[in-house]
Amino acid sequence: MSTPKTQRRRASQRGQAMVEYSILNWVLVVALIIGGSVKVRWTDDVQSNVIDLFMRSYQIYYDSFYFVLNLPFP
């Protein structure tokens, strides 16, 4: 059988892990909110947030694969 002292130590370690997990989740959620709401001005007419820029770069990346796969090879 385990002693009460060992049980208290395990409970405090679990509590510390939950606090660290909660802080990490809070930081990620705040980063997502800020990344989704802050506008980045690249030129005078182009202004978009970070998520839109990532989606645009992913679309260019995907289109380049599609272009290479559809090239006519002799």
C-alpha atoms as a PDB file:
ATOM      1  CA  MET A   1       0.000   0.000   0.000  1.00  0.00           C
ATOM      2  CA  SER A   2       1.100   3.520  -0.626  1.00  0.00           C
ATOM      3  CA  THR A   3       1.452   6.034   2.118  1.00  0.00           C
ATOM      4  CA  PRO A   4      -0.567   9.252   2.282  1.00  0.00           C
ATOM      5  CA  LYS A   5       2.618  11.279   1.698  1.00  0.00           C
ATOM      6  CA  THR A   6       3.200   9.558  -1.651  1.00  0.00           C
ATOM      7  CA  GLN A   7      -0.418  10.142  -2.658  1.00  0.00           C
ATOM      8  CA  ARG A   8      -0.148  13.854  -1.880  1.00  0.00           C
ATOM      9  CA  ARG A   9       2.998  14.150  -4.003  1.00  0.00           C
ATOM     10  CA  ARG A  10       1.306  12.470  -6.974  1.00  0.00           C
ATOM     11  CA  ALA A  11      -1.714  14.734  -6.657  1.00  0.00           C
ATOM     12  CA  SER A  12       0.471  17.857  -6.596  1.00  0.00           C
ATOM     13  CA  GLN A  13       2.391  16.668  -9.656  1.00  0.00           C
ATOM     14  CA  ARG A  14      -0.872  16.116 -11.504  1.00  0.00           C
ATOM     15  CA  GLY A  15      -1.986  19.586 -10.474  1.00  0.00           C
ATOM     16  CA  GLN A  16       1.208  21.123 -11.807  1.00  0.00           C
ATOM     17  CA  ALA A  17       0.777  19.330 -15.127  1.00  0.00           C
ATOM     18  CA  MET A  18      -2.790  20.639 -15.450  1.00  0.00           C
ATOM     19  CA  VAL A  19      -1.651  24.198 -14.735  1.00  0.00           C
ATOM     20  CA  GLU A  20       1.090  23.935 -17.369  1.00  0.00           C
ATOM     21  CA  TYR A  21      -1.381  22.455 -19.854  1.00  0.00           C
ATOM     22  CA  SER A  22      -3.882  25.242 -19.176  1.00  0.00           C
ATOM     23  CA  ILE A  23      -1.246  27.955 -19.603  1.00  0.00           C
ATOM     24  CA  LEU A  24      -0.054  26.409 -22.866  1.00  0.00           C
ATOM     25  CA  ASN A  25      -3.612  26.232 -24.218  1.00  0.00           C
ATOM     26  CA  TRP A  26      -4.263  29.835 -23.182  1.00  0.00           C
ATOM     27  CA  VAL A  27      -1.122  31.022 -24.998  1.00  0.00           C
ATOM     28  CA  LEU A  28      -2.098  29.128 -28.164  1.00  0.00           C
ATOM     29  CA  VAL A  29      -5.652  30.484 -28.138  1.00  0.00           C
ATOM     30  CA  VAL A  30      -4.447  34.063 -27.609  1.00  0.00           C
ATOM     31  CA  ALA A  31      -1.889  33.647 -30.423  1.00  0.00           C
ATOM     32  CA  LEU A  32      -4.636  32.366 -32.732  1.00  0.00           C
ATOM     33  CA  ILE A  33      -6.934  35.274 -31.873  1.00  0.00           C
ATOM     34  CA  ILE A  34      -4.184  37.836 -32.389  1.00  0.00           C
ATOM     35  CA  GLY A  35      -3.006  36.129 -35.580  1.00  0.00           C
ATOM     36  CA  GLY A  36      -6.529  36.105 -36.931  1.00  0.00           C
ATOM     37  CA  SER A  37      -7.343  39.701 -36.106  1.00  0.00           C
ATOM     38  CA  VAL A  38      -4.136  41.668 -36.706  1.00  0.00           C
ATOM     39  CA  LYS A  39      -3.902  43.064 -40.228  1.00  0.00           C
ATOM     40  CA  VAL A  40      -0.535  43.074 -41.980  1.00  0.00           C
ATOM     41  CA  ARG A  41       0.031  45.809 -44.546  1.00  0.00           C
ATOM     42  CA  TRP A  42       2.313  44.569 -47.335  1.00  0.00           C
ATOM     43  CA  THR A  43       1.617  47.321 -49.844  1.00  0.00           C
ATOM     44  CA  ASP A  44      -0.848  50.183 -50.027  1.00  0.00           C
ATOM     45  CA  ASP A  45      -3.555  48.035 -51.596  1.00  0.00           C
ATOM     46  CA  VAL A  46      -2.785  44.622 -50.013  1.00  0.00           C
ATOM     47  CA  GLN A  47      -3.767  44.264 -46.381  1.00  0.00           C
ATOM     48  CA  SER A  48      -4.638  40.894 -44.810  1.00  0.00           C
ATOM     49  CA  ASN A  49      -4.244  38.930 -41.603  1.00  0.00           C
ATOM     50  CA  VAL A  50      -1.759  36.140 -40.923  1.00  0.00           C
ATOM     51  CA  ILE A  51      -4.217  33.289 -41.492  1.00  0.00           C
ATOM     52  CA  ASP A  52      -5.168  34.672 -44.921  1.00  0.00           C
ATOM     53  CA  LEU A  53      -1.490  34.949 -45.813  1.00  0.00           C
ATOM     54  CA  PHE A  54      -0.860  31.333 -44.799  1.00  0.00           C
ATOM     55  CA  MET A  55      -3.851  30.173 -46.829  1.00  0.00           C
ATOM     56  CA  ARG A  56      -2.673  32.152 -49.867  1.00  0.00           C
ATOM     57  CA  SER A  57       0.830  30.693 -49.617  1.00  0.00           C
ATOM     58  CA  TYR A  58      -0.613  27.173 -49.273  1.00  0.00           C
ATOM     59  CA  GLN A  59      -2.738  27.742 -52.387  1.00  0.00           C
ATOM     60  CA  ILE A  60       0.350  28.817 -54.362  1.00  0.00           C
ATOM     61  CA  TYR A  61       2.220  25.752 -53.087  1.00  0.00           C
ATOM     62  CA  TYR A  62      -0.659  23.451 -54.082  1.00  0.00           C
ATOM     63  CA  ASP A  63      -1.030  25.098 -57.501  1.00  0.00           C
ATOM     64  CA  SER A  64       2.675  24.606 -58.211  1.00  0.00           C
ATOM     65  CA  PHE A  65       2.326  20.839 -57.631  1.00  0.00           C
ATOM     66  CA  TYR A  66      -0.753  20.754 -59.857  1.00  0.00           C
ATOM     67  CA  PHE A  67       1.096  22.665 -62.556  1.00  0.00           C
ATOM     68  CA  VAL A  68       4.118  20.309 -62.483  1.00  0.00           C
ATOM     69  CA  LEU A  69       1.949  17.184 -62.525  1.00  0.00           C
ATOM     70  CA  ASN A  70       0.063  18.409 -65.601  1.00  0.00           C
ATOM     71  CA  LEU A  71       3.127  19.317 -67.660  1.00  0.00           C
ATOM     72  CA  PRO A  72       3.245  17.556 -71.007  1.00  0.00           C
ATOM     73  CA  PHE A  73       6.316  15.374 -71.179  1.00  0.00           C
ATOM     74  CA  PRO A  74       7.377  14.227 -74.673  1.00  0.00           C
END
